[in-house]
Amino acid sequence: MYVQYKRTHEFQAAHFNEGNYLRFEGITGIDKVNVEKRHEWIYYPDPIECQILDLISLVQDSHGHNFKAEVELMGEVDDSYSSYILADEVIISVINEWAGINLSVHPDFLVTGVRATTENMAQKLCKKIFDKVEGRKSVTNIVVNVTIHESDDISSTAVRTSND
């Protein structure tokens, strides 16, 4: 049976303004190896390279949004008791990894060197949720559609299918 499931969740997060991405990449106090292994974001300021005024300007030159994530899942499920695409708690948990932080220093963006734009957020979240659905053996012909709303008039959508 082919089913469709939709979930909307709001969260708050921040990111650096465009000019600070290059400045932040030049700071050497980021331990990318530990970030990749432990999936935590760690920042160790080097007092020689990271002067206090520079750090303050980085913080001041960022801004946040009340984001809305719309997740649409489609797929064929078997007729068993567990015939759902993905538990709601899993979707919320994946989205909440980004809640209340500066996305510019989250491993999803920092480690991969990708800016935390609305477009990149939609792509990253779509892949993360797709990977969770793909791990379920009772779902086939998967389609994941994620839209990130930065505001009422700014949004981006990413789609991933089993055929990608």
Protein backbone atom coordinates (compact mmCIF):
# COMPACT_ATOMS: atom_id res chain seq x y z
CA MET A 1 0.00 0.00 0.00
CA TYR A 2 1.33 3.46 -0.95
CA VAL A 3 1.02 6.00 1.88
CA GLN A 4 1.87 9.63 2.46
CA TYR A 5 2.73 11.26 5.80
CA LYS A 6 3.26 14.97 6.54
CA ARG A 7 4.76 16.62 9.61
CA THR A 8 5.49 20.28 10.32
CA HIS A 9 7.79 21.36 13.14
CA GLU A 10 9.06 24.79 14.13
CA PHE A 11 12.46 25.52 15.65
CA GLN A 12 14.71 28.47 16.30
CA ALA A 13 18.32 28.59 15.14
CA ALA A 14 20.96 31.13 14.13
CA HIS A 15 23.74 31.37 11.56
CA PHE A 16 26.52 33.76 10.64
CA ASN A 17 25.88 36.58 8.23
CA GLU A 18 27.56 36.00 4.87
CA GLY A 19 30.73 37.95 5.62
CA ASN A 20 31.60 35.86 8.66
CA TYR A 21 31.79 32.46 6.99
CA LEU A 22 35.23 33.10 5.56
CA ARG A 23 36.46 34.73 8.77
CA PHE A 24 35.30 31.78 10.85
CA GLU A 25 36.99 29.23 8.58
CA GLY A 26 40.32 30.97 9.23
CA ILE A 27 40.16 30.41 12.99
CA THR A 28 42.26 27.41 13.94
CA GLY A 29 40.53 26.51 17.21
CA ILE A 30 38.06 24.11 15.59
CA ASP A 31 38.76 20.44 16.18
CA LYS A 32 37.21 18.92 13.05
CA VAL A 33 38.51 15.40 13.74
CA ASN A 34 36.77 15.21 17.13
CA VAL A 35 33.64 16.78 15.70
CA GLU A 36 33.40 14.11 13.00
CA LYS A 37 33.98 11.24 15.42
CA ARG A 38 31.70 12.34 18.25
CA HIS A 39 29.11 14.37 16.31
CA GLU A 40 29.45 17.23 18.73
CA TRP A 41 30.52 20.73 17.93
CA ILE A 42 33.59 21.78 19.88
CA TYR A 43 35.25 25.15 19.82
CA TYR A 44 38.61 25.77 21.48
CA PRO A 45 39.65 29.41 21.18
CA ASP A 46 43.36 29.93 20.57
CA PRO A 47 44.25 33.11 22.54
CA ILE A 48 46.89 34.13 19.99
CA GLU A 49 44.67 33.91 16.91
CA CYS A 50 41.22 34.50 18.42
CA GLN A 51 41.28 37.88 20.01
CA ILE A 52 38.31 38.68 22.20
CA LEU A 53 37.17 41.53 19.97
CA ASP A 54 37.16 39.26 16.94
CA LEU A 55 35.04 36.68 18.74
CA ILE A 56 32.60 39.33 19.89
CA SER A 57 32.25 40.62 16.33
CA LEU A 58 31.56 37.07 15.12
CA VAL A 59 28.75 36.68 17.64
CA GLN A 60 27.32 40.09 16.84
CA ASP A 61 27.43 39.41 13.10
CA SER A 62 25.02 36.50 13.21
CA HIS A 63 21.26 36.34 13.23
CA GLY A 64 18.49 33.84 13.87
CA HIS A 65 15.15 32.75 12.52
CA ASN A 66 12.01 30.97 13.58
CA PHE A 67 12.31 28.18 11.02
CA LYS A 68 9.51 25.87 9.99
CA ALA A 69 10.38 22.44 8.62
CA GLU A 70 7.74 20.65 6.55
CA VAL A 71 8.51 16.98 6.04
CA GLU A 72 6.51 14.88 3.58
CA LEU A 73 7.20 11.15 3.41
CA MET A 74 5.81 8.80 0.79
CA GLY A 75 6.39 5.14 0.21
CA GLU A 76 4.97 1.67 -0.06
CA VAL A 77 4.51 -0.09 3.25
CA ASP A 78 3.69 -3.71 3.93
CA ASP A 79 0.47 -4.73 5.66
CA SER A 80 2.12 -5.59 8.97
CA TYR A 81 1.56 -3.93 12.34
CA SER A 82 4.59 -1.69 11.73
CA SER A 83 3.25 -0.37 8.43
CA TYR A 84 4.20 3.25 8.88
CA ILE A 85 6.91 5.20 7.10
CA LEU A 86 8.79 6.72 10.03
CA ALA A 87 7.95 7.41 13.66
CA ASP A 88 7.04 11.01 14.38
CA GLU A 89 9.53 11.05 17.27
CA VAL A 90 12.37 10.28 14.85
CA ILE A 91 11.43 13.17 12.57
CA ILE A 92 11.24 15.62 15.49
CA SER A 93 14.52 14.35 16.93
CA VAL A 94 16.36 14.89 13.64
CA ILE A 95 14.95 18.41 13.29
CA ASN A 96 15.66 19.29 16.92
CA GLU A 97 19.37 18.58 16.44
CA TRP A 98 19.43 22.09 14.95
CA ALA A 99 17.20 23.81 17.51
CA GLY A 100 18.59 26.63 19.61
CA ILE A 101 22.11 26.73 18.17
CA ASN A 102 24.22 28.58 15.62
CA LEU A 103 24.03 26.25 12.62
CA SER A 104 27.26 27.67 11.22
CA VAL A 105 29.20 25.69 13.83
CA HIS A 106 27.07 22.53 13.76
CA PRO A 107 28.91 19.50 12.28
CA ASP A 108 26.34 19.18 9.47
CA PHE A 109 27.68 22.44 8.08
CA LEU A 110 31.07 23.19 9.66
CA VAL A 111 32.74 19.82 9.04
CA THR A 112 31.55 19.65 5.44
CA GLY A 113 32.39 23.31 4.75
CA VAL A 114 28.82 24.11 3.68
CA ARG A 115 27.11 27.37 4.64
CA ALA A 116 23.92 27.11 6.68
CA THR A 117 21.63 28.57 4.00
CA THR A 118 17.96 27.70 3.66
CA GLU A 119 18.78 25.67 0.53
CA ASN A 120 21.55 23.69 2.24
CA MET A 121 19.38 23.15 5.32
CA ALA A 122 16.63 21.61 3.17
CA GLN A 123 19.13 19.32 1.41
CA LYS A 124 20.85 18.20 4.63
CA LEU A 125 17.60 17.57 6.50
CA CYS A 126 16.13 15.72 3.52
CA LYS A 127 19.14 13.38 3.38
CA LYS A 128 19.14 12.77 7.14
CA ILE A 129 15.44 11.84 7.17
CA PHE A 130 15.74 9.79 3.98
CA ASP A 131 18.55 7.76 5.60
CA LYS A 132 16.27 7.04 8.59
CA VAL A 133 13.41 5.89 6.33
CA GLU A 134 15.74 3.84 4.14
CA GLY A 135 16.81 1.89 7.24
CA ARG A 136 13.26 0.56 7.66
CA LYS A 137 12.81 -2.71 5.81
CA SER A 138 9.01 -2.38 5.67
CA VAL A 139 9.13 0.72 3.41
CA THR A 140 9.99 0.74 -0.32
CA ASN A 141 9.76 3.25 -3.18
CA ILE A 142 10.64 6.07 -0.79
CA VAL A 143 10.15 9.76 -1.52
CA VAL A 144 11.19 12.39 1.05
CA ASN A 145 10.26 16.01 0.45
CA VAL A 146 11.55 18.64 2.93
CA THR A 147 10.76 22.34 2.85
CA ILE A 148 12.52 24.78 5.17
CA HIS A 149 10.73 28.08 5.71
CA GLU A 150 13.08 30.84 6.86
CA SER A 151 10.20 33.33 6.86
CA ASP A 152 6.73 33.62 5.36
CA ASP A 153 8.18 34.52 1.96
CA ILE A 154 11.52 32.62 1.93
CA SER A 155 11.70 28.84 1.67
CA SER A 156 13.60 26.05 -0.03
CA THR A 157 12.58 22.50 -0.88
CA ALA A 158 14.69 19.38 -1.37
CA VAL A 159 13.45 16.01 -2.66
CA ARG A 160 15.15 12.63 -2.42
CA THR A 161 13.86 9.35 -3.82
CA SER A 162 14.90 5.71 -3.79
CA ASN A 163 15.96 6.19 -7.41
CA ASP A 164 18.58 8.89 -6.58
